[in-house]
Amino acid sequence: MPKHTLLSEPDLVDEPQQVQDYWGLVSRVAATQHPVIVRRGGADLAAVIPVEYLKLLRDLLAQQEAEQRAAQIDWAKMAQDSTPPQQWFEGEEPKPF
């Protein structure tokens, strides 16, 4: 069985007609870690992906949202308006900055 990577094209299958065929499809994806696109009438309908891919997708979407929100912040103004308290700079403990 070939080694699949995240960049491998997913397999295409026609929509299963029986419930047990769906379970076979899910088992196949879980065993091979290779995604499958389910098609109906020649059109893509849904993707069956390994859980690890879903975790990566969620992480990617969270990162994109964080970057979009960060881009909306005026960082120069934030640095002027939100200076750290002086007590952070006092004392003998190691400073992270």
PDB file of N, CA and C in Angstrom:
ATOM      1  N   MET A   1       0.843  -1.176   0.000  1.00  0.00           N
ATOM      2  CA  MET A   1       0.000   0.000   0.000  1.00  0.00           C
ATOM      3  C   MET A   1       0.889   1.240   0.000  1.00  0.00           C
ATOM      4  N   PRO A   2       0.639   2.211  -0.901  1.00  0.00           N
ATOM      5  CA  PRO A   2       1.493   3.391  -0.971  1.00  0.00           C
ATOM      6  C   PRO A   2       1.335   4.273   0.258  1.00  0.00           C
ATOM      7  N   LYS A   3       2.410   4.983   0.572  1.00  0.00           N
ATOM      8  CA  LYS A   3       2.396   5.917   1.696  1.00  0.00           C
ATOM      9  C   LYS A   3       1.723   7.204   1.245  1.00  0.00           C
ATOM     10  N   HIS A   4       0.693   7.619   1.977  1.00  0.00           N
ATOM     11  CA  HIS A   4      -0.032   8.830   1.639  1.00  0.00           C
ATOM     12  C   HIS A   4       0.512   9.987   2.468  1.00  0.00           C
ATOM     13  N   THR A   5       0.556  11.169   1.868  1.00  0.00           N
ATOM     14  CA  THR A   5       0.979  12.367   2.578  1.00  0.00           C
ATOM     15  C   THR A   5      -0.172  13.364   2.577  1.00  0.00           C
ATOM     16  N   LEU A   6      -0.001  14.454   3.298  1.00  0.00           N
ATOM     17  CA  LEU A   6      -1.022  15.495   3.317  1.00  0.00           C
ATOM     18  C   LEU A   6      -1.235  16.091   1.928  1.00  0.00           C
ATOM     19  N   LEU A   7      -0.231  15.984   1.070  1.00  0.00           N
ATOM     20  CA  LEU A   7      -0.329  16.550  -0.269  1.00  0.00           C
ATOM     21  C   LEU A   7      -0.894  15.575  -1.294  1.00  0.00           C
ATOM     22  N   SER A   8      -1.104  14.334  -0.896  1.00  0.00           N
ATOM     23  CA  SER A   8      -1.686  13.347  -1.814  1.00  0.00           C
ATOM     24  C   SER A   8      -3.114  13.739  -2.150  1.00  0.00           C
ATOM     25  N   GLU A   9      -3.481  13.544  -3.396  1.00  0.00           N
ATOM     26  CA  GLU A   9      -4.859  13.811  -3.803  1.00  0.00           C
ATOM     27  C   GLU A   9      -5.794  12.790  -3.143  1.00  0.00           C
ATOM     28  N   PRO A  10      -6.940  13.242  -2.653  1.00  0.00           N
ATOM     29  CA  PRO A  10      -7.877  12.286  -2.064  1.00  0.00           C
ATOM     30  C   PRO A  10      -8.461  11.369  -3.133  1.00  0.00           C
ATOM     31  N   ASP A  11      -8.860  10.189  -2.705  1.00  0.00           N
ATOM     32  CA  ASP A  11      -9.558   9.275  -3.602  1.00  0.00           C
ATOM     33  C   ASP A  11     -10.971   9.803  -3.820  1.00  0.00           C
ATOM     34  N   LEU A  12     -11.564   9.473  -4.952  1.00  0.00           N
ATOM     35  CA  LEU A  12     -12.946   9.830  -5.261  1.00  0.00           C
ATOM     36  C   LEU A  12     -13.782   8.563  -5.294  1.00  0.00           C
ATOM     37  N   VAL A  13     -14.910   8.575  -4.594  1.00  0.00           N
ATOM     38  CA  VAL A  13     -15.817   7.424  -4.620  1.00  0.00           C
ATOM     39  C   VAL A  13     -17.236   7.934  -4.795  1.00  0.00           C
ATOM     40  N   ASP A  14     -18.047   7.136  -5.472  1.00  0.00           N
ATOM     41  CA  ASP A  14     -19.461   7.466  -5.578  1.00  0.00           C
ATOM     42  C   ASP A  14     -20.126   7.226  -4.232  1.00  0.00           C
ATOM     43  N   GLU A  15     -21.155   7.978  -3.969  1.00  0.00           N
ATOM     44  CA  GLU A  15     -21.866   7.883  -2.703  1.00  0.00           C
ATOM     45  C   GLU A  15     -22.332   6.446  -2.462  1.00  0.00           C
ATOM     46  N   PRO A  16     -21.941   5.877  -1.312  1.00  0.00           N
ATOM     47  CA  PRO A  16     -22.402   4.520  -1.001  1.00  0.00           C
ATOM     48  C   PRO A  16     -23.926   4.486  -0.852  1.00  0.00           C
ATOM     49  N   GLN A  17     -24.526   3.387  -1.248  1.00  0.00           N
ATOM     50  CA  GLN A  17     -25.983   3.243  -1.177  1.00  0.00           C
ATOM     51  C   GLN A  17     -26.429   2.488   0.070  1.00  0.00           C
ATOM     52  N   GLN A  18     -25.531   1.751   0.692  1.00  0.00           N
ATOM     53  CA  GLN A  18     -25.867   0.951   1.866  1.00  0.00           C
ATOM     54  C   GLN A  18     -25.095   1.481   3.077  1.00  0.00           C
ATOM     55  N   VAL A  19     -25.716   1.393   4.256  1.00  0.00           N
ATOM     56  CA  VAL A  19     -25.088   1.877   5.483  1.00  0.00           C
ATOM     57  C   VAL A  19     -23.753   1.183   5.721  1.00  0.00           C
ATOM     58  N   GLN A  20     -23.695  -0.129   5.519  1.00  0.00           N
ATOM     59  CA  GLN A  20     -22.450  -0.847   5.765  1.00  0.00           C
ATOM     60  C   GLN A  20     -21.340  -0.360   4.836  1.00  0.00           C
ATOM     61  N   ASP A  21     -21.705   0.132   3.656  1.00  0.00           N
ATOM     62  CA  ASP A  21     -20.694   0.683   2.752  1.00  0.00           C
ATOM     63  C   ASP A  21     -20.093   1.965   3.319  1.00  0.00           C
ATOM     64  N   TYR A  22     -20.927   2.761   4.016  1.00  0.00           N
ATOM     65  CA  TYR A  22     -20.400   3.961   4.673  1.00  0.00           C
ATOM     66  C   TYR A  22     -19.398   3.572   5.748  1.00  0.00           C
ATOM     67  N   TRP A  23     -19.752   2.564   6.536  1.00  0.00           N
ATOM     68  CA  TRP A  23     -18.835   2.122   7.596  1.00  0.00           C
ATOM     69  C   TRP A  23     -17.545   1.581   6.996  1.00  0.00           C
ATOM     70  N   GLY A  24     -17.634   0.913   5.874  1.00  0.00           N
ATOM     71  CA  GLY A  24     -16.434   0.439   5.190  1.00  0.00           C
ATOM     72  C   GLY A  24     -15.569   1.597   4.734  1.00  0.00           C
ATOM     73  N   LEU A  25     -16.209   2.664   4.258  1.00  0.00           N
ATOM     74  CA  LEU A  25     -15.475   3.853   3.824  1.00  0.00           C
ATOM     75  C   LEU A  25     -14.772   4.522   5.011  1.00  0.00           C
ATOM     76  N   VAL A  26     -15.490   4.650   6.114  1.00  0.00           N
ATOM     77  CA  VAL A  26     -14.896   5.244   7.317  1.00  0.00           C
ATOM     78  C   VAL A  26     -13.730   4.390   7.810  1.00  0.00           C
ATOM     79  N   SER A  27     -13.908   3.096   7.823  1.00  0.00           N
ATOM     80  CA  SER A  27     -12.828   2.195   8.256  1.00  0.00           C
ATOM     81  C   SER A  27     -11.615   2.305   7.332  1.00  0.00           C
ATOM     82  N   ARG A  28     -11.871   2.425   6.049  1.00  0.00           N
ATOM     83  CA  ARG A  28     -10.779   2.567   5.069  1.00  0.00           C
ATOM     84  C   ARG A  28      -9.969   3.824   5.338  1.00  0.00           C
ATOM     85  N   VAL A  29     -10.660   4.945   5.564  1.00  0.00           N
ATOM     86  CA  VAL A  29      -9.957   6.209   5.825  1.00  0.00           C
ATOM     87  C   VAL A  29      -9.173   6.110   7.141  1.00  0.00           C
ATOM     88  N   ALA A  30      -9.782   5.517   8.152  1.00  0.00           N
ATOM     89  CA  ALA A  30      -9.093   5.381   9.442  1.00  0.00           C
ATOM     90  C   ALA A  30      -7.851   4.498   9.318  1.00  0.00           C
ATOM     91  N   ALA A  31      -7.946   3.442   8.533  1.00  0.00           N
ATOM     92  CA  ALA A  31      -6.826   2.503   8.398  1.00  0.00           C
ATOM     93  C   ALA A  31      -5.707   3.060   7.527  1.00  0.00           C
ATOM     94  N   THR A  32      -6.071   3.744   6.451  1.00  0.00           N
ATOM     95  CA  THR A  32      -5.047   4.213   5.507  1.00  0.00           C
ATOM     96  C   THR A  32      -4.577   5.632   5.782  1.00  0.00           C
ATOM     97  N   GLN A  33      -5.356   6.374   6.600  1.00  0.00           N
ATOM     98  CA  GLN A  33      -5.071   7.786   6.862  1.00  0.00           C
ATOM     99  C   GLN A  33      -5.083   8.602   5.568  1.00  0.00           C
ATOM    100  N   HIS A  34      -5.877   8.159   4.599  1.00  0.00           N
ATOM    101  CA  HIS A  34      -5.972   8.831   3.304  1.00  0.00           C
ATOM    102  C   HIS A  34      -7.402   9.316   3.098  1.00  0.00           C
ATOM    103  N   PRO A  35      -7.593  10.616   2.820  1.00  0.00           N
ATOM    104  CA  PRO A  35      -8.943  11.141   2.675  1.00  0.00           C
ATOM    105  C   PRO A  35      -9.646  10.648   1.417  1.00  0.00           C
ATOM    106  N   VAL A  36     -10.962  10.711   1.482  1.00  0.00           N
ATOM    107  CA  VAL A  36     -11.802  10.291   0.367  1.00  0.00           C
ATOM    108  C   VAL A  36     -12.861  11.369   0.138  1.00  0.00           C
ATOM    109  N   ILE A  37     -13.083  11.719  -1.114  1.00  0.00           N
ATOM    110  CA  ILE A  37     -14.171  12.618  -1.492  1.00  0.00           C
ATOM    111  C   ILE A  37     -15.341  11.750  -1.942  1.00  0.00           C
ATOM    112  N   VAL A  38     -16.484  11.940  -1.302  1.00  0.00           N
ATOM    113  CA  VAL A  38     -17.691  11.216  -1.669  1.00  0.00           C
ATOM    114  C   VAL A  38     -18.431  12.070  -2.696  1.00  0.00           C
ATOM    115  N   ARG A  39     -18.835  11.416  -3.784  1.00  0.00           N
ATOM    116  CA  ARG A  39     -19.484  12.133  -4.879  1.00  0.00           C
ATOM    117  C   ARG A  39     -20.910  11.630  -5.078  1.00  0.00           C
ATOM    118  N   ARG A  40     -21.760  12.540  -5.523  1.00  0.00           N
ATOM    119  CA  ARG A  40     -23.143  12.185  -5.871  1.00  0.00           C
ATOM    120  C   ARG A  40     -23.424  12.778  -7.247  1.00  0.00           C
ATOM    121  N   GLY A  41     -23.779  11.925  -8.164  1.00  0.00           N
ATOM    122  CA  GLY A  41     -24.076  12.391  -9.507  1.00  0.00           C
ATOM    123  C   GLY A  41     -22.894  13.091 -10.163  1.00  0.00           C
ATOM    124  N   GLY A  42     -21.682  12.676  -9.824  1.00  0.00           N
ATOM    125  CA  GLY A  42     -20.487  13.265 -10.412  1.00  0.00           C
ATOM    126  C   GLY A  42     -20.013  14.535  -9.741  1.00  0.00           C
ATOM    127  N   ALA A  43     -20.759  15.037  -8.752  1.00  0.00           N
ATOM    128  CA  ALA A  43     -20.366  16.255  -8.040  1.00  0.00           C
ATOM    129  C   ALA A  43     -19.847  15.905  -6.645  1.00  0.00           C
ATOM    130  N   ASP A  44     -18.811  16.615  -6.208  1.00  0.00           N
ATOM    131  CA  ASP A  44     -18.274  16.399  -4.862  1.00  0.00           C
ATOM    132  C   ASP A  44     -19.340  16.744  -3.828  1.00  0.00           C
ATOM    133  N   LEU A  45     -19.516  15.846  -2.853  1.00  0.00           N
ATOM    134  CA  LEU A  45     -20.570  15.998  -1.852  1.00  0.00           C
ATOM    135  C   LEU A  45     -19.992  16.229  -0.458  1.00  0.00           C
ATOM    136  N   ALA A  46     -19.010  15.428  -0.085  1.00  0.00           N
ATOM    137  CA  ALA A  46     -18.443  15.509   1.261  1.00  0.00           C
ATOM    138  C   ALA A  46     -17.053  14.888   1.255  1.00  0.00           C
ATOM    139  N   ALA A  47     -16.297  15.210   2.291  1.00  0.00           N
ATOM    140  CA  ALA A  47     -14.973  14.618   2.459  1.00  0.00           C
ATOM    141  C   ALA A  47     -14.966  13.783   3.735  1.00  0.00           C
ATOM    142  N   VAL A  48     -14.359  12.631   3.658  1.00  0.00           N
ATOM    143  CA  VAL A  48     -14.118  11.798   4.833  1.00  0.00           C
ATOM    144  C   VAL A  48     -12.611  11.853   5.049  1.00  0.00           C
ATOM    145  N   ILE A  49     -12.216  12.413   6.201  1.00  0.00           N
ATOM    146  CA  ILE A  49     -10.790  12.633   6.465  1.00  0.00           C
ATOM    147  C   ILE A  49     -10.403  12.026   7.806  1.00  0.00           C
ATOM    148  N   PRO A  50      -9.116  11.688   7.967  1.00  0.00           N
ATOM    149  CA  PRO A  50      -8.656  11.204   9.271  1.00  0.00           C
ATOM    150  C   PRO A  50      -8.801  12.303  10.330  1.00  0.00           C
ATOM    151  N   VAL A  51      -8.995  11.915  11.562  1.00  0.00           N
ATOM    152  CA  VAL A  51      -9.150  12.869  12.658  1.00  0.00           C
ATOM    153  C   VAL A  51      -7.931  13.792  12.743  1.00  0.00           C
ATOM    154  N   GLU A  52      -6.748  13.269  12.481  1.00  0.00           N
ATOM    155  CA  GLU A  52      -5.538  14.089  12.549  1.00  0.00           C
ATOM    156  C   GLU A  52      -5.607  15.254  11.557  1.00  0.00           C
ATOM    157  N   TYR A  53      -6.205  15.014  10.381  1.00  0.00           N
ATOM    158  CA  TYR A  53      -6.359  16.083   9.390  1.00  0.00           C
ATOM    159  C   TYR A  53      -7.324  17.151   9.914  1.00  0.00           C
ATOM    160  N   LEU A  54      -8.376  16.717  10.587  1.00  0.00           N
ATOM    161  CA  LEU A  54      -9.324  17.671  11.149  1.00  0.00           C
ATOM    162  C   LEU A  54      -8.636  18.542  12.197  1.00  0.00           C
ATOM    163  N   LYS A  55      -7.803  17.936  13.030  1.00  0.00           N
ATOM    164  CA  LYS A  55      -7.069  18.712  14.038  1.00  0.00           C
ATOM    165  C   LYS A  55      -6.160  19.740  13.361  1.00  0.00           C
ATOM    166  N   LEU A  56      -5.461  19.323  12.306  1.00  0.00           N
ATOM    167  CA  LEU A  56      -4.602  20.257  11.577  1.00  0.00           C
ATOM    168  C   LEU A  56      -5.414  21.380  10.945  1.00  0.00           C
ATOM    169  N   LEU A  57      -6.546  21.044  10.380  1.00  0.00           N
ATOM    170  CA  LEU A  57      -7.410  22.039   9.753  1.00  0.00           C
ATOM    171  C   LEU A  57      -7.906  23.051  10.777  1.00  0.00           C
ATOM    172  N   ARG A  58      -8.325  22.563  11.927  1.00  0.00           N
ATOM    173  CA  ARG A  58      -8.799  23.472  12.984  1.00  0.00           C
ATOM    174  C   ARG A  58      -7.679  24.374  13.472  1.00  0.00           C
ATOM    175  N   ASP A  59      -6.481  23.836  13.632  1.00  0.00           N
ATOM    176  CA  ASP A  59      -5.332  24.653  14.032  1.00  0.00           C
ATOM    177  C   ASP A  59      -5.037  25.731  12.992  1.00  0.00           C
ATOM    178  N   LEU A  60      -5.077  25.347  11.727  1.00  0.00           N
ATOM    179  CA  LEU A  60      -4.819  26.300  10.646  1.00  0.00           C
ATOM    180  C   LEU A  60      -5.860  27.415  10.639  1.00  0.00           C
ATOM    181  N   LEU A  61      -7.125  27.057  10.786  1.00  0.00           N
ATOM    182  CA  LEU A  61      -8.186  28.064  10.796  1.00  0.00           C
ATOM    183  C   LEU A  61      -8.070  28.989  12.006  1.00  0.00           C
ATOM    184  N   ALA A  62      -7.700  28.439  13.149  1.00  0.00           N
ATOM    185  CA  ALA A  62      -7.506  29.262  14.347  1.00  0.00           C
ATOM    186  C   ALA A  62      -6.344  30.231  14.143  1.00  0.00           C
ATOM    187  N   GLN A  63      -5.269  29.766  13.527  1.00  0.00           N
ATOM    188  CA  GLN A  63      -4.121  30.630  13.257  1.00  0.00           C
ATOM    189  C   GLN A  63      -4.505  31.745  12.294  1.00  0.00           C
ATOM    190  N   GLN A  64      -5.250  31.416  11.254  1.00  0.00           N
ATOM    191  CA  GLN A  64      -5.687  32.437  10.297  1.00  0.00           C
ATOM    192  C   GLN A  64      -6.573  33.482  10.975  1.00  0.00           C
ATOM    193  N   GLU A  65      -7.468  33.049  11.837  1.00  0.00           N
ATOM    194  CA  GLU A  65      -8.331  33.994  12.547  1.00  0.00           C
ATOM    195  C   GLU A  65      -7.512  34.896  13.465  1.00  0.00           C
ATOM    196  N   ALA A  66      -6.538  34.318  14.164  1.00  0.00           N
ATOM    197  CA  ALA A  66      -5.677  35.122  15.038  1.00  0.00           C
ATOM    198  C   ALA A  66      -4.893  36.155  14.230  1.00  0.00           C
ATOM    199  N   GLU A  67      -4.392  35.759  13.067  1.00  0.00           N
ATOM    200  CA  GLU A  67      -3.652  36.694  12.219  1.00  0.00           C
ATOM    201  C   GLU A  67      -4.554  37.806  11.705  1.00  0.00           C
ATOM    202  N   GLN A  68      -5.804  37.482  11.351  1.00  0.00           N
ATOM    203  CA  GLN A  68      -6.746  38.500  10.891  1.00  0.00           C
ATOM    204  C   GLN A  68      -7.057  39.490  12.006  1.00  0.00           C
ATOM    205  N   ARG A  69      -7.265  38.970  13.200  1.00  0.00           N
ATOM    206  CA  ARG A  69      -7.548  39.861  14.329  1.00  0.00           C
ATOM    207  C   ARG A  69      -6.332  40.720  14.669  1.00  0.00           C
ATOM    208  N   ALA A  70      -5.154  40.140  14.627  1.00  0.00           N
ATOM    209  CA  ALA A  70      -3.927  40.895  14.933  1.00  0.00           C
ATOM    210  C   ALA A  70      -3.696  42.000  13.910  1.00  0.00           C
ATOM    211  N   ALA A  71      -4.097  41.756  12.661  1.00  0.00           N
ATOM    212  CA  ALA A  71      -3.916  42.759  11.610  1.00  0.00           C
ATOM    213  C   ALA A  71      -4.825  43.965  11.833  1.00  0.00           C
ATOM    214  N   GLN A  72      -5.869  43.823  12.610  1.00  0.00           N
ATOM    215  CA  GLN A  72      -6.795  44.921  12.877  1.00  0.00           C
ATOM    216  C   GLN A  72      -6.339  45.809  14.029  1.00  0.00           C
ATOM    217  N   ILE A  73      -5.292  45.416  14.722  1.00  0.00           N
ATOM    218  CA  ILE A  73      -4.810  46.167  15.878  1.00  0.00           C
ATOM    219  C   ILE A  73      -3.764  47.179  15.430  1.00  0.00           C
ATOM    220  N   ASP A  74      -3.884  48.378  15.930  1.00  0.00           N
ATOM    221  CA  ASP A  74      -2.867  49.406  15.701  1.00  0.00           C
ATOM    222  C   ASP A  74      -1.786  49.195  16.770  1.00  0.00           C
ATOM    223  N   TRP A  75      -0.763  48.432  16.418  1.00  0.00           N
ATOM    224  CA  TRP A  75       0.240  48.017  17.402  1.00  0.00           C
ATOM    225  C   TRP A  75       1.051  49.194  17.935  1.00  0.00           C
ATOM    226  N   ALA A  76       1.324  50.199  17.109  1.00  0.00           N
ATOM    227  CA  ALA A  76       2.071  51.377  17.584  1.00  0.00           C
ATOM    228  C   ALA A  76       1.266  52.112  18.656  1.00  0.00           C
ATOM    229  N   LYS A  77      -0.019  52.294  18.404  1.00  0.00           N
ATOM    230  CA  LYS A  77      -0.877  52.955  19.387  1.00  0.00           C
ATOM    231  C   LYS A  77      -1.007  52.098  20.640  1.00  0.00           C
ATOM    232  N   MET A  78      -1.145  50.796  20.449  1.00  0.00           N
ATOM    233  CA  MET A  78      -1.264  49.882  21.588  1.00  0.00           C
ATOM    234  C   MET A  78      -0.025  49.957  22.479  1.00  0.00           C
ATOM    235  N   ALA A  79       1.155  50.051  21.868  1.00  0.00           N
ATOM    236  CA  ALA A  79       2.396  50.134  22.645  1.00  0.00           C
ATOM    237  C   ALA A  79       2.453  51.427  23.449  1.00  0.00           C
ATOM    238  N   GLN A  80       1.910  52.504  22.893  1.00  0.00           N
ATOM    239  CA  GLN A  80       1.905  53.789  23.609  1.00  0.00           C
ATOM    240  C   GLN A  80       0.859  53.796  24.722  1.00  0.00           C
ATOM    241  N   ASP A  81      -0.305  53.275  24.435  1.00  0.00           N
ATOM    242  CA  ASP A  81      -1.418  53.334  25.383  1.00  0.00           C
ATOM    243  C   ASP A  81      -1.360  52.266  26.467  1.00  0.00           C
ATOM    244  N   SER A  82      -0.639  51.199  26.236  1.00  0.00           N
ATOM    245  CA  SER A  82      -0.639  50.068  27.173  1.00  0.00           C
ATOM    246  C   SER A  82       0.785  49.725  27.621  1.00  0.00           C
ATOM    247  N   THR A  83       1.453  50.703  28.191  1.00  0.00           N
ATOM    248  CA  THR A  83       2.818  50.436  28.670  1.00  0.00           C
ATOM    249  C   THR A  83       2.746  49.528  29.899  1.00  0.00           C
ATOM    250  N   PRO A  84       3.744  48.661  30.068  1.00  0.00           N
ATOM    251  CA  PRO A  84       3.734  47.764  31.231  1.00  0.00           C
ATOM    252  C   PRO A  84       4.005  48.557  32.517  1.00  0.00           C
ATOM    253  N   PRO A  85       3.503  48.063  33.637  1.00  0.00           N
ATOM    254  CA  PRO A  85       3.749  48.741  34.917  1.00  0.00           C
ATOM    255  C   PRO A  85       5.240  48.761  35.250  1.00  0.00           C
ATOM    256  N   GLN A  86       5.670  49.809  35.879  1.00  0.00           N
ATOM    257  CA  GLN A  86       7.084  49.965  36.241  1.00  0.00           C
ATOM    258  C   GLN A  86       7.568  48.820  37.114  1.00  0.00           C
ATOM    259  N   GLN A  87       6.721  48.265  37.946  1.00  0.00           N
ATOM    260  CA  GLN A  87       7.137  47.186  38.854  1.00  0.00           C
ATOM    261  C   GLN A  87       7.624  45.954  38.100  1.00  0.00           C
ATOM    262  N   TRP A  88       7.219  45.811  36.840  1.00  0.00           N
ATOM    263  CA  TRP A  88       7.719  44.699  36.045  1.00  0.00           C
ATOM    264  C   TRP A  88       9.219  44.796  35.826  1.00  0.00           C
ATOM    265  N   PHE A  89       9.753  45.991  35.865  1.00  0.00           N
ATOM    266  CA  PHE A  89      11.172  46.212  35.573  1.00  0.00           C
ATOM    267  C   PHE A  89      12.022  46.231  36.828  1.00  0.00           C
ATOM    268  N   GLU A  90      11.390  46.207  37.981  1.00  0.00           N
ATOM    269  CA  GLU A  90      12.110  46.258  39.245  1.00  0.00           C
ATOM    270  C   GLU A  90      12.355  44.843  39.757  1.00  0.00           C
ATOM    271  N   GLY A  91      13.296  44.707  40.677  1.00  0.00           N
ATOM    272  CA  GLY A  91      13.576  43.409  41.261  1.00  0.00           C
ATOM    273  C   GLY A  91      14.739  42.718  40.542  1.00  0.00           C
ATOM    274  N   GLU A  92      15.169  41.635  41.136  1.00  0.00           N
ATOM    275  CA  GLU A  92      16.357  40.932  40.659  1.00  0.00           C
ATOM    276  C   GLU A  92      16.044  39.708  39.806  1.00  0.00           C
ATOM    277  N   GLU A  93      14.787  39.323  39.725  1.00  0.00           N
ATOM    278  CA  GLU A  93      14.447  38.130  38.960  1.00  0.00           C
ATOM    279  C   GLU A  93      14.755  38.329  37.477  1.00  0.00           C
ATOM    280  N   PRO A  94      14.994  37.227  36.761  1.00  0.00           N
ATOM    281  CA  PRO A  94      15.287  37.348  35.330  1.00  0.00           C
ATOM    282  C   PRO A  94      14.103  37.978  34.586  1.00  0.00           C
ATOM    283  N   LYS A  95      14.425  38.796  33.610  1.00  0.00           N
ATOM    284  CA  LYS A  95      13.411  39.479  32.798  1.00  0.00           C
ATOM    285  C   LYS A  95      13.300  38.796  31.435  1.00  0.00           C
ATOM    286  N   PRO A  96      12.090  38.575  30.951  1.00  0.00           N
ATOM    287  CA  PRO A  96      11.912  37.927  29.645  1.00  0.00           C
ATOM    288  C   PRO A  96      12.110  38.891  28.475  1.00  0.00           C
ATOM    289  N   PHE A  97      12.485  40.129  28.759  1.00  0.00           N
ATOM    290  CA  PHE A  97      12.652  41.125  27.696  1.00  0.00           C
ATOM    291  C   PHE A  97      13.934  41.871  27.838  1.00  0.00           C
TER     292      PHE A  97
END
